[in-house]
Amino acid sequence: ANYPKEREVIVVNDGSVDRTEEIVKKISLEDDRVKIYNTKHAGKANAINLGVKNAKNDIIIALDADSEMKEDALIEIVKPFAREDVGAVSGIIRAIDNRNPITWFQDFEYILSSGWRFLCNKIKGTHIFPGFVAIKKEALLKVGGFSRDTFSEDFDIAIRLKKAGYKLAMSNATIYTRVPETFKGLISQRIRWGRGTIQVMKKHYDVILNKRYGTVGLYVIPTQIYWYIHGFVYVPIVMYQVFGGYFQNFVAYKNFLSFEVTKYFFSWFSVYGMVEYTYKTFMGVYDASPLFFLLLAMFILYLTYNILILLKFARLRLRYLFVIFFFFPYSLFILSLNVFSCLHEIYRPGNSNVWEKSR
């Protein structure tokens, strides 16, 4: 990444079994600004804290080892520090491009997430630093560094900085990160994230609906809570409607699999279903009830928001149209993982922040 020469690169090798140490040491022989420190699987929080302890400069930029920065990322992420009261800055997260459809959905989800965080930033609601963060060393040391008592150290540090009186911001700096390429890896990652979010909200319960913390306390964290509640209510209702209709209209007549059954599930799990419903309503097949117009308005807003966010943070590509068309089942799947993570944290709580990368 482009940046003035007054910088140092600190690599914390947290018990890796690849050639990280060998490669970094070779680079450090040619450039004394590059340093490496070794730990034995101490966890991300402790690894970052070790790097911070040995850092000489005033601004710390933390980046996961499996991520890549755009050329201007370092320059962009430090711009908000022009304001003296800013303590930390986040960036835009994208998935590294590949041909695996599972990663396409995650990339689109990351784009939507970056869009939501961008809007939150406009109302002073920055609250998390996923995968890429710039923090004033003074601010980080003041709050005691990163903590390993939750699975979401990036969420926890943001709230602790907020409590300490620092302003948080989001920049236009962009990184690309490797995302899980299997459902097993995705499930493991999202349950971990979900549990971590719950842990942070339990730890900082005093922020919830507390006007002292502005938008973060009054809107952002309550929104996080809402999505867990929404999952417990919405997922069972949708599953009941989908499979209830399948059993009532097909299984009851010994029609287990046919073209009609395929079309039924295709309608449920794609944009086609809403398009067909709208067409048949205007043709008089279904009643044009107030509920229909409410659903239609929500559908139009949903598509408009998706397109605008794509144009803001990416570019319109065929794969994104495919993802939008089939995004409903993916979002339902992710929402169900929120439910499982919540149940897991209730019945088997744990917070040892040492983990393996999900694949």
Protein backbone atom coordinates (compact mmCIF):
# COMPACT_ATOMS: atom_id res chain seq x y z
CA ALA A 1 0.00 0.00 0.00
CA ASN A 2 1.15 3.55 -0.72
CA TYR A 3 2.22 5.55 2.34
CA PRO A 4 5.09 7.87 3.33
CA LYS A 5 8.27 6.15 4.49
CA GLU A 6 7.71 7.00 8.16
CA ARG A 7 6.12 3.68 8.97
CA GLU A 8 7.00 0.29 10.39
CA VAL A 9 5.55 -3.15 9.72
CA ILE A 10 5.18 -5.47 12.69
CA VAL A 11 4.24 -9.08 12.03
CA VAL A 12 3.06 -11.10 15.02
CA ASN A 13 3.45 -14.77 14.18
CA ASP A 14 0.93 -16.39 16.51
CA GLY A 15 1.99 -20.02 16.28
CA SER A 16 1.60 -20.43 12.52
CA VAL A 17 2.90 -23.63 10.92
CA ASP A 18 3.66 -22.14 7.51
CA ARG A 19 6.73 -20.20 6.34
CA THR A 20 5.64 -16.85 7.82
CA GLU A 21 8.64 -16.49 10.13
CA GLU A 22 11.14 -17.48 7.45
CA ILE A 23 9.69 -15.10 4.85
CA VAL A 24 9.35 -12.10 7.18
CA LYS A 25 12.88 -12.53 8.56
CA LYS A 26 14.23 -12.54 5.01
CA ILE A 27 12.37 -9.31 4.24
CA SER A 28 13.54 -7.71 7.50
CA LEU A 29 17.17 -8.21 6.46
CA GLU A 30 16.51 -5.91 3.50
CA ASP A 31 14.25 -3.42 5.33
CA ASP A 32 14.78 -2.69 9.02
CA ARG A 33 11.26 -1.22 9.28
CA VAL A 34 9.91 -4.79 9.11
CA LYS A 35 9.93 -6.73 12.39
CA ILE A 36 8.53 -10.05 13.55
CA TYR A 37 7.53 -11.26 17.00
CA ASN A 38 6.56 -14.85 17.75
CA THR A 39 3.87 -16.06 20.13
CA LYS A 40 2.43 -19.52 20.69
CA HIS A 41 -1.25 -19.29 19.83
CA ALA A 42 -1.99 -16.53 22.33
CA GLY A 43 -5.02 -15.34 20.38
CA LYS A 44 -5.67 -12.32 18.19
CA ALA A 45 -6.14 -9.84 21.05
CA ASN A 46 -2.86 -10.73 22.76
CA ALA A 47 -1.04 -10.84 19.43
CA ILE A 48 -2.14 -7.30 18.57
CA ASN A 49 -1.26 -6.10 22.07
CA LEU A 50 2.26 -7.48 21.64
CA GLY A 51 2.60 -5.61 18.36
CA VAL A 52 1.31 -2.41 19.96
CA LYS A 53 3.77 -2.76 22.84
CA ASN A 54 6.67 -2.85 20.40
CA ALA A 55 5.34 -0.19 18.02
CA LYS A 56 7.18 3.14 17.90
CA ASN A 57 4.65 5.32 16.09
CA ASP A 58 1.52 7.13 17.26
CA ILE A 59 -1.03 5.37 15.04
CA ILE A 60 -1.52 1.60 15.06
CA ILE A 61 -3.07 -0.10 12.03
CA ALA A 62 -4.14 -3.70 12.61
CA LEU A 63 -4.75 -6.00 9.65
CA ASP A 64 -5.51 -9.72 9.60
CA ALA A 65 -2.89 -11.89 7.90
CA ASP A 66 -5.36 -13.17 5.30
CA SER A 67 -6.31 -9.71 4.05
CA GLU A 68 -5.03 -7.47 1.27
CA MET A 69 -5.17 -3.66 1.15
CA LYS A 70 -5.94 -1.43 -1.79
CA GLU A 71 -2.99 0.78 -2.68
CA ASP A 72 -4.47 3.88 -1.06
CA ALA A 73 -5.86 2.10 2.04
CA LEU A 74 -3.26 3.37 4.51
CA ILE A 75 -3.59 6.95 3.31
CA GLU A 76 -7.40 6.81 3.44
CA ILE A 77 -7.71 5.21 6.86
CA VAL A 78 -5.65 7.89 8.63
CA LYS A 79 -7.51 10.87 7.13
CA PRO A 80 -10.17 11.06 9.90
CA PHE A 81 -7.37 11.57 12.45
CA ALA A 82 -7.22 15.16 11.19
CA ARG A 83 -9.80 15.63 13.94
CA GLU A 84 -7.99 15.42 17.27
CA ASP A 85 -10.93 13.79 19.10
CA VAL A 86 -11.01 10.74 16.77
CA GLY A 87 -9.57 7.71 18.53
CA ALA A 88 -10.07 4.96 15.94
CA VAL A 89 -11.09 4.48 12.32
CA SER A 90 -12.56 1.52 10.42
CA GLY A 91 -12.71 0.77 6.71
CA ILE A 92 -14.61 -1.02 3.97
CA ILE A 93 -14.38 -4.82 3.96
CA ARG A 94 -14.70 -6.90 0.80
CA ALA A 95 -14.19 -10.58 0.06
CA ILE A 96 -11.26 -11.63 -2.12
CA ASP A 97 -12.61 -12.40 -5.59
CA ASN A 98 -12.84 -16.05 -6.65
CA ARG A 99 -15.16 -18.41 -8.49
CA ASN A 100 -16.76 -20.03 -5.45
CA PRO A 101 -20.46 -18.97 -5.28
CA ILE A 102 -20.40 -19.23 -1.46
CA THR A 103 -17.90 -16.37 -1.42
CA TRP A 104 -20.05 -14.31 -3.80
CA PHE A 105 -22.85 -14.19 -1.25
CA GLN A 106 -20.42 -13.26 1.51
CA ASP A 107 -18.87 -10.50 -0.58
CA PHE A 108 -22.31 -9.05 -1.28
CA GLU A 109 -23.17 -9.34 2.41
CA TYR A 110 -19.93 -7.52 3.29
CA ILE A 111 -20.85 -4.77 0.83
CA LEU A 112 -24.27 -4.38 2.46
CA SER A 113 -22.64 -4.39 5.89
CA SER A 114 -20.15 -1.71 4.83
CA GLY A 115 -23.08 0.30 3.48
CA TRP A 116 -24.91 0.07 6.80
CA ARG A 117 -21.76 1.04 8.73
CA PHE A 118 -21.27 3.93 6.29
CA LEU A 119 -24.78 5.20 7.06
CA CYS A 120 -24.25 4.67 10.80
CA ASN A 121 -21.06 6.72 10.57
CA LYS A 122 -23.08 9.61 9.15
CA ILE A 123 -25.07 9.70 12.39
CA LYS A 124 -22.02 9.09 14.62
CA GLY A 125 -22.84 5.41 15.03
CA THR A 126 -19.52 3.71 14.20
CA HIS A 127 -19.30 0.81 16.64
CA ILE A 128 -17.09 -1.96 15.25
CA PHE A 129 -13.77 -2.36 13.44
CA PRO A 130 -14.04 -5.61 11.45
CA GLY A 131 -10.69 -6.89 10.19
CA PHE A 132 -9.07 -3.51 9.58
CA VAL A 133 -8.62 -0.66 12.06
CA ALA A 134 -6.43 2.35 12.73
CA ILE A 135 -6.18 3.39 16.39
CA LYS A 136 -4.22 6.05 18.20
CA LYS A 137 -1.67 4.22 20.34
CA GLU A 138 -2.39 6.60 23.22
CA ALA A 139 -6.12 5.77 23.10
CA LEU A 140 -5.50 2.03 22.87
CA LEU A 141 -3.17 2.03 25.87
CA LYS A 142 -5.59 4.20 27.84
CA VAL A 143 -8.34 1.55 27.60
CA GLY A 144 -5.95 -1.32 28.31
CA GLY A 145 -5.45 -2.66 24.81
CA PHE A 146 -7.48 -5.37 23.12
CA SER A 147 -9.32 -7.75 25.45
CA ARG A 148 -9.59 -11.52 24.98
CA ASP A 149 -12.66 -12.00 27.18
CA THR A 150 -15.02 -12.02 24.17
CA PHE A 151 -14.97 -13.56 20.70
CA SER A 152 -15.53 -10.11 19.14
CA GLU A 153 -12.52 -8.07 20.17
CA ASP A 154 -13.19 -5.68 17.25
CA PHE A 155 -16.64 -4.83 18.67
CA ASP A 156 -15.45 -4.74 22.27
CA ILE A 157 -12.56 -2.33 21.66
CA ALA A 158 -14.88 0.07 19.83
CA ILE A 159 -17.30 0.19 22.74
CA ARG A 160 -14.48 0.65 25.26
CA LEU A 161 -13.05 3.53 23.22
CA LYS A 162 -16.53 5.03 23.00
CA LYS A 163 -16.88 4.80 26.78
CA ALA A 164 -13.51 6.49 27.18
CA GLY A 165 -14.83 9.49 25.27
CA TYR A 166 -13.16 8.98 21.90
CA LYS A 167 -14.89 9.60 18.59
CA LEU A 168 -15.03 6.66 16.18
CA ALA A 169 -15.10 7.05 12.41
CA MET A 170 -15.30 5.09 9.17
CA SER A 171 -13.05 5.82 6.20
CA ASN A 172 -13.03 4.95 2.50
CA ALA A 173 -10.04 2.63 3.01
CA THR A 174 -10.76 -0.78 1.48
CA ILE A 175 -9.33 -4.22 2.19
CA TYR A 176 -10.10 -7.60 0.67
CA THR A 177 -10.18 -10.59 3.00
CA ARG A 178 -10.37 -14.34 2.52
CA VAL A 179 -13.74 -15.72 3.52
CA PRO A 180 -14.87 -19.30 4.25
CA GLU A 181 -15.25 -21.38 1.10
CA THR A 182 -17.33 -24.16 2.65
CA PHE A 183 -20.61 -24.21 4.56
CA LYS A 184 -18.82 -25.83 7.50
CA GLY A 185 -16.36 -22.95 7.69
CA LEU A 186 -19.10 -20.36 7.26
CA ILE A 187 -21.23 -21.91 10.02
CA SER A 188 -18.26 -22.00 12.40
CA GLN A 189 -17.38 -18.38 11.65
CA ARG A 190 -20.90 -16.99 12.03
CA ILE A 191 -21.68 -18.85 15.24
CA ARG A 192 -18.44 -17.47 16.63
CA TRP A 193 -19.34 -13.94 15.51
CA GLY A 194 -22.85 -14.28 16.89
CA ARG A 195 -21.61 -15.49 20.25
CA GLY A 196 -19.03 -12.71 20.36
CA THR A 197 -21.66 -10.06 19.71
CA ILE A 198 -23.79 -11.40 22.56
CA GLN A 199 -20.77 -11.47 24.87
CA VAL A 200 -19.96 -7.83 24.11
CA MET A 201 -23.55 -6.73 24.66
CA LYS A 202 -23.62 -8.57 27.99
CA LYS A 203 -20.30 -7.04 28.99
CA HIS A 204 -21.39 -3.52 28.05
CA TYR A 205 -25.07 -3.76 28.96
CA ASP A 206 -24.86 -0.26 30.46
CA VAL A 207 -24.51 1.19 26.94
CA ILE A 208 -27.86 -0.18 25.75
CA LEU A 209 -30.47 2.62 25.43
CA ASN A 210 -28.10 4.98 27.23
CA LYS A 211 -28.28 8.43 25.63
CA ARG A 212 -24.82 9.20 26.97
CA TYR A 213 -23.42 7.06 24.14
CA GLY A 214 -25.53 8.68 21.46
CA THR A 215 -26.50 6.71 18.38
CA VAL A 216 -24.45 3.69 19.44
CA GLY A 217 -26.47 3.25 22.64
CA LEU A 218 -29.86 4.36 21.34
CA TYR A 219 -29.88 2.77 17.89
CA VAL A 220 -26.91 0.61 16.84
CA ILE A 221 -26.74 -1.87 19.72
CA PRO A 222 -30.55 -2.11 20.06
CA THR A 223 -30.56 -2.95 16.34
CA GLN A 224 -28.12 -5.80 17.02
CA ILE A 225 -30.45 -7.10 19.73
CA TYR A 226 -33.41 -6.80 17.36
CA TRP A 227 -31.80 -9.12 14.80
CA TYR A 228 -31.46 -11.89 17.38
CA ILE A 229 -35.10 -11.52 18.39
CA HIS A 230 -36.08 -11.28 14.73
CA GLY A 231 -34.32 -14.57 14.01
CA PHE A 232 -36.18 -16.42 16.76
CA VAL A 233 -39.52 -15.19 15.37
CA TYR A 234 -38.97 -14.91 11.63
CA VAL A 235 -37.10 -18.15 10.84
CA PRO A 236 -39.74 -20.50 12.35
CA ILE A 237 -42.57 -18.57 10.67
CA VAL A 238 -40.95 -18.77 7.23
CA MET A 239 -40.10 -22.46 7.65
CA TYR A 240 -43.69 -23.17 8.69
CA GLN A 241 -45.07 -21.30 5.68
CA VAL A 242 -42.69 -22.92 3.20
CA PHE A 243 -42.97 -26.52 4.35
CA GLY A 244 -46.56 -26.18 5.50
CA GLY A 245 -47.50 -25.17 1.96
CA TYR A 246 -45.39 -27.98 0.54
CA PHE A 247 -47.09 -30.66 2.65
CA GLN A 248 -50.57 -29.23 2.21
CA ASN A 249 -50.42 -28.64 -1.54
CA PHE A 250 -48.10 -31.39 -2.72
CA VAL A 251 -47.25 -34.13 -0.22
CA ALA A 252 -50.93 -34.54 0.70
CA TYR A 253 -51.53 -35.50 -2.95
CA LYS A 254 -48.49 -37.82 -3.14
CA ASN A 255 -46.63 -35.24 -5.19
CA PHE A 256 -43.20 -35.27 -3.55
CA LEU A 257 -41.10 -34.02 -6.45
CA SER A 258 -42.23 -32.59 -9.76
CA PHE A 259 -41.95 -29.49 -11.91
CA GLU A 260 -44.68 -27.83 -9.83
CA VAL A 261 -42.82 -28.61 -6.60
CA THR A 262 -39.59 -27.22 -8.04
CA LYS A 263 -41.37 -24.07 -9.15
CA TYR A 264 -42.93 -23.73 -5.69
CA PHE A 265 -39.57 -23.74 -3.91
CA PHE A 266 -37.98 -21.61 -6.64
CA SER A 267 -40.67 -18.99 -6.06
CA TRP A 268 -40.10 -19.03 -2.32
CA PHE A 269 -36.33 -18.79 -2.47
CA SER A 270 -35.78 -16.24 -5.23
CA VAL A 271 -36.87 -12.80 -6.39
CA TYR A 272 -39.05 -14.55 -8.96
CA GLY A 273 -41.65 -15.28 -6.29
CA MET A 274 -42.29 -11.60 -5.55
CA VAL A 275 -42.28 -10.71 -9.24
CA GLU A 276 -44.83 -13.44 -9.97
CA TYR A 277 -46.97 -12.39 -6.99
CA THR A 278 -46.94 -8.76 -8.17
CA TYR A 279 -47.83 -9.71 -11.74
CA LYS A 280 -50.72 -11.95 -10.71
CA THR A 281 -52.06 -9.29 -8.34
CA PHE A 282 -52.17 -6.67 -11.08
CA MET A 283 -53.78 -9.27 -13.37
CA GLY A 284 -56.55 -9.78 -10.80
CA VAL A 285 -55.59 -13.30 -9.69
CA TYR A 286 -54.91 -12.08 -6.14
CA ASP A 287 -56.55 -9.27 -4.19
CA ALA A 288 -54.72 -5.94 -4.19
CA SER A 289 -54.81 -5.68 -0.40
CA PRO A 290 -52.95 -3.10 1.75
CA LEU A 291 -50.57 -5.91 2.70
CA PHE A 292 -49.65 -6.39 -0.96
CA PHE A 293 -48.79 -2.73 -1.43
CA LEU A 294 -46.75 -2.78 1.79
CA LEU A 295 -44.80 -5.82 0.57
CA LEU A 296 -44.33 -4.23 -2.85
CA ALA A 297 -43.00 -1.01 -1.33
CA MET A 298 -40.58 -2.97 0.88
CA PHE A 299 -39.44 -5.01 -2.12
CA ILE A 300 -38.75 -1.91 -4.22
CA LEU A 301 -36.88 -0.26 -1.34
CA TYR A 302 -34.86 -3.45 -0.85
CA LEU A 303 -33.77 -3.59 -4.49
CA THR A 304 -33.08 0.15 -4.61
CA TYR A 305 -30.92 0.01 -1.48
CA ASN A 306 -28.96 -2.98 -2.81
CA ILE A 307 -28.25 -1.30 -6.15
CA LEU A 308 -27.23 2.01 -4.55
CA ILE A 309 -24.87 0.30 -2.09
CA LEU A 310 -23.34 -1.76 -4.91
CA LEU A 311 -22.73 1.38 -6.95
CA LYS A 312 -21.18 3.06 -3.90
CA PHE A 313 -18.78 0.32 -2.82
CA ALA A 314 -18.38 -1.94 -5.85
CA ARG A 315 -19.54 -2.15 -9.43
CA LEU A 316 -22.53 -3.87 -10.92
CA ARG A 317 -21.52 -7.35 -12.07
CA LEU A 318 -23.49 -10.34 -13.30
CA ARG A 319 -22.61 -12.35 -10.18
CA TYR A 320 -24.19 -9.70 -7.97
CA LEU A 321 -27.43 -9.91 -9.93
CA PHE A 322 -27.33 -13.68 -9.36
CA VAL A 323 -26.73 -13.14 -5.64
CA ILE A 324 -29.56 -10.61 -5.32
CA PHE A 325 -31.89 -13.00 -7.13
CA PHE A 326 -31.18 -15.81 -4.63
CA PHE A 327 -30.20 -13.79 -1.56
CA PHE A 328 -33.30 -14.65 0.49
CA PRO A 329 -32.32 -18.26 1.36
CA TYR A 330 -28.78 -17.14 2.19
CA SER A 331 -30.04 -14.39 4.50
CA LEU A 332 -32.42 -16.87 6.12
CA PHE A 333 -29.51 -19.26 6.66
CA ILE A 334 -27.36 -16.53 8.27
CA LEU A 335 -30.28 -15.43 10.43
CA SER A 336 -30.76 -19.01 11.65
CA LEU A 337 -27.08 -19.09 12.67
CA ASN A 338 -27.78 -16.07 14.88
CA VAL A 339 -30.41 -18.18 16.62
CA PHE A 340 -28.00 -21.10 17.11
CA SER A 341 -25.23 -18.80 18.36
CA CYS A 342 -27.61 -17.26 20.88
CA LEU A 343 -28.70 -20.68 22.14
CA HIS A 344 -25.07 -21.82 22.26
CA GLU A 345 -24.07 -18.81 24.34
CA ILE A 346 -27.00 -19.38 26.72
CA TYR A 347 -26.41 -23.08 27.32
CA ARG A 348 -22.64 -23.34 26.72
CA PRO A 349 -21.11 -19.93 27.38
CA GLY A 350 -17.42 -19.50 26.72
CA ASN A 351 -15.04 -16.70 25.92
CA SER A 352 -11.53 -18.01 25.35
CA ASN A 353 -10.46 -15.88 22.40
CA VAL A 354 -8.07 -18.34 20.75
CA TRP A 355 -9.25 -19.70 17.42
CA GLU A 356 -8.45 -21.21 14.06
CA LYS A 357 -9.36 -19.51 10.81
CA SER A 358 -12.62 -20.80 9.30
CA ARG A 359 -12.42 -22.30 5.84
